[in-house]
Protein backbone atom coordinates (compact mmCIF):
# COMPACT_ATOMS: atom_id res chain seq x y z
CA UNK A 1 -15.45 19.62 -19.07
CA UNK A 2 -17.70 16.36 -17.39
CA UNK A 3 -20.19 17.75 -20.23
CA UNK A 4 -18.36 15.19 -23.20
CA UNK A 5 -17.58 11.60 -23.57
CA UNK A 6 -14.38 10.87 -23.94
CA UNK A 7 -15.36 8.92 -26.59
CA UNK A 8 -18.03 10.60 -29.16
CA UNK A 9 -19.33 9.28 -32.70
CA UNK A 10 -18.70 11.08 -35.82
CA UNK A 11 -22.17 12.34 -35.86
CA UNK A 12 -22.03 13.73 -32.83
CA UNK A 13 -18.49 15.42 -33.18
CA UNK A 14 -19.76 16.87 -36.85
CA UNK A 15 -23.02 18.51 -34.96
CA UNK A 16 -20.82 20.42 -32.27
CA UNK A 17 -18.32 21.63 -35.51
CA UNK A 18 -18.94 25.80 -35.94
CA UNK A 19 -20.14 25.93 -39.14
CA UNK A 20 -20.29 29.23 -39.54
CA UNK A 21 -17.15 30.30 -37.97
CA UNK A 22 -13.77 29.90 -40.64
CA UNK A 23 -11.58 26.57 -39.83
CA UNK A 24 -8.71 28.18 -37.31
CA UNK A 25 -6.29 26.34 -38.63
CA UNK A 26 -4.70 23.48 -41.17
CA UNK A 27 -1.99 21.83 -41.60
CA UNK A 28 -0.50 18.89 -43.18
CA UNK A 29 -2.97 16.51 -42.14
CA UNK A 30 -6.00 18.06 -40.06
CA UNK A 31 -8.46 20.89 -39.86
CA UNK A 32 -9.13 22.63 -36.58
CA UNK A 33 -12.91 24.08 -35.97
CA UNK A 34 -14.04 26.03 -33.71
CA UNK A 35 -16.83 24.06 -31.15
CA UNK A 36 -20.02 25.62 -31.60
CA UNK A 37 -20.85 27.99 -28.64
CA UNK A 38 -17.51 26.93 -26.74
CA UNK A 39 -14.34 29.77 -27.35
CA UNK A 40 -12.61 27.48 -24.69
CA UNK A 41 -12.22 24.06 -27.70
CA UNK A 42 -11.31 23.06 -30.87
CA UNK A 43 -11.98 20.20 -32.40
CA UNK A 44 -9.83 19.08 -35.10
CA UNK A 45 -9.96 17.02 -37.99
CA UNK A 46 -7.60 14.07 -39.43
CA UNK A 47 -7.74 14.60 -43.42
CA UNK A 48 -6.11 11.29 -43.53
CA UNK A 49 -7.31 7.66 -43.80
CA UNK A 50 -5.38 6.84 -40.80
CA UNK A 51 -6.33 9.61 -38.23
CA UNK A 52 -1.93 8.99 -36.55
CA UNK A 53 -2.25 13.00 -35.29
CA UNK A 54 -5.06 12.79 -33.68
CA UNK A 55 -4.63 9.42 -32.25
CA UNK A 56 -0.84 10.41 -30.87
CA UNK A 57 -2.69 13.61 -28.91
CA UNK A 58 -5.13 11.67 -27.43
CA UNK A 59 -2.46 9.19 -26.03
CA UNK A 60 0.07 11.51 -25.27
CA UNK A 61 -2.34 13.18 -23.05
CA UNK A 62 -4.21 10.10 -21.16
CA UNK A 63 -0.56 9.18 -20.59
CA UNK A 64 0.69 13.02 -19.39
CA UNK A 65 -2.65 12.69 -17.04
CA UNK A 66 -1.35 9.63 -15.91
CA UNK A 67 1.83 10.54 -14.87
CA UNK A 68 -0.16 13.27 -12.93
CA UNK A 69 -1.40 10.42 -10.30
CA UNK A 70 -0.16 9.04 -7.14
CA UNK A 71 -0.69 5.61 -8.52
CA UNK A 72 1.52 3.12 -5.67
CA UNK A 73 4.01 5.47 -4.97
CA UNK A 74 5.36 5.97 -8.23
CA UNK A 75 7.15 9.55 -8.81
CA UNK A 76 4.34 11.77 -9.80
CA UNK A 77 5.26 14.74 -12.40
CA UNK A 78 2.44 17.32 -12.17
CA UNK A 79 4.90 19.30 -14.86
CA UNK A 80 3.85 18.19 -17.85
CA UNK A 81 -0.20 18.46 -17.59
CA UNK A 82 0.62 22.84 -17.89
CA UNK A 83 2.90 21.84 -21.45
CA UNK A 84 0.56 20.69 -23.05
CA UNK A 85 -3.39 21.83 -24.24
CA UNK A 86 -5.54 19.55 -22.61
CA UNK A 87 -8.06 16.88 -24.65
CA UNK A 88 -10.87 16.25 -23.93
CA UNK A 89 -12.67 13.55 -26.24
CA UNK A 90 -11.74 11.56 -29.26
CA UNK A 91 -13.92 9.96 -32.00
CA UNK A 92 -14.47 6.48 -32.06
CA UNK A 93 -12.30 6.56 -35.55
CA UNK A 94 -9.92 8.57 -34.59
CA UNK A 95 -11.10 10.99 -37.11
CA UNK A 96 -12.22 13.78 -34.69
CA UNK A 97 -10.48 15.51 -31.45
CA UNK A 98 -11.54 17.65 -28.73
CA UNK A 99 -8.77 19.92 -27.11
CA UNK A 100 -8.66 23.00 -25.18
CA UNK A 101 -8.34 26.27 -27.28
CA UNK A 102 -5.13 28.36 -26.70
CA UNK A 103 -4.92 31.80 -28.27
CA UNK A 104 -1.78 32.55 -31.13
CA UNK A 105 1.18 33.30 -29.55
CA UNK A 106 2.33 37.22 -29.28
CA UNK A 107 5.08 38.37 -30.99
CA UNK A 108 6.84 38.94 -28.04
CA UNK A 109 5.96 35.67 -27.13
CA UNK A 110 8.61 33.09 -26.18
CA UNK A 111 8.38 29.67 -26.37
CA UNK A 112 10.57 28.14 -23.17
CA UNK A 113 11.38 24.89 -24.90
CA UNK A 114 13.91 23.83 -22.23
CA UNK A 115 10.95 23.05 -20.08
CA UNK A 116 9.25 20.88 -23.27
CA UNK A 117 10.27 17.44 -23.13
CA UNK A 118 13.14 16.67 -26.40
CA UNK A 119 11.29 14.47 -27.70
CA UNK A 120 8.46 16.33 -29.39
CA UNK A 121 9.10 16.71 -33.32
CA UNK A 122 7.94 19.80 -34.34
CA UNK A 123 9.00 22.56 -32.22
CA UNK A 124 7.87 25.47 -34.97
CA UNK A 125 5.98 28.81 -33.39
CA UNK A 126 3.08 27.58 -34.46
CA UNK A 127 2.42 24.08 -32.83
CA UNK A 128 2.35 26.51 -29.12
CA UNK A 129 -0.41 28.71 -28.21
CA UNK A 130 -0.76 30.43 -24.76
CA UNK A 131 -3.99 30.41 -22.31
CA UNK A 132 -5.48 33.87 -21.62
CA UNK A 133 -3.21 34.09 -18.28
CA UNK A 134 0.07 33.73 -20.80
CA UNK A 135 0.48 30.48 -20.04
CA UNK A 136 2.94 28.51 -23.57
CA UNK A 137 1.69 25.72 -24.06
CA UNK A 138 1.86 22.84 -27.15
CA UNK A 139 -1.73 23.10 -28.85
CA UNK A 140 0.22 20.21 -32.02
CA UNK A 141 1.96 17.54 -30.25
CA UNK A 142 0.17 14.92 -33.57
CA UNK A 143 4.14 14.35 -34.43
CA UNK A 144 6.56 13.02 -31.35
CA UNK A 145 10.35 10.81 -31.52
CA UNK A 146 8.76 7.74 -30.46
CA UNK A 147 12.32 6.24 -29.84
CA UNK A 148 13.33 9.30 -27.75
CA UNK A 149 10.03 9.07 -25.44
CA UNK A 150 10.09 5.32 -24.95
CA UNK A 151 13.83 4.87 -24.37
CA UNK A 152 15.21 6.06 -21.30
CA UNK A 153 18.60 4.59 -21.88
CA UNK A 154 18.87 6.56 -25.29
CA UNK A 155 18.97 10.04 -22.82
CA UNK A 156 21.59 12.08 -22.20
CA UNK A 157 22.06 13.67 -19.38
CA UNK A 158 20.68 16.89 -20.26
CA UNK A 159 17.27 15.45 -21.00
CA UNK A 160 14.62 16.82 -18.81
CA UNK A 161 12.08 14.24 -19.87
């Protein structure tokens, strides 16, 4: 995915939206578009004046990537990389976000909720998808409970994060 810059303009994103393909999804605040010529990517477009869902997903993904790095002896957490759909690029104002495209869950798929952080707010089945290899990942993490995510003193003994 090196061909995409981390930060792109709205015009660059708009040129990448496959206008001949129907929308892949619509939530309360965003549309999900197919990416032109790329069946491995989606482009999420915020319909709100402040694109909080896109900003949140971008921030969470970048934090997940940082936690996986070996930084000055900190304990690495590479587990989260396998649980979240990867973000590749965001527009300068946050209106657009490019993300890994996942397949819809099959009726037989079971989301292993105990593997996912408690601070994920949206836990309905359509917030998850699967890779071609069958790995279940969260694809909509635009709403999270920041209180749980940022306050380690609030976690009980059963919390995985």
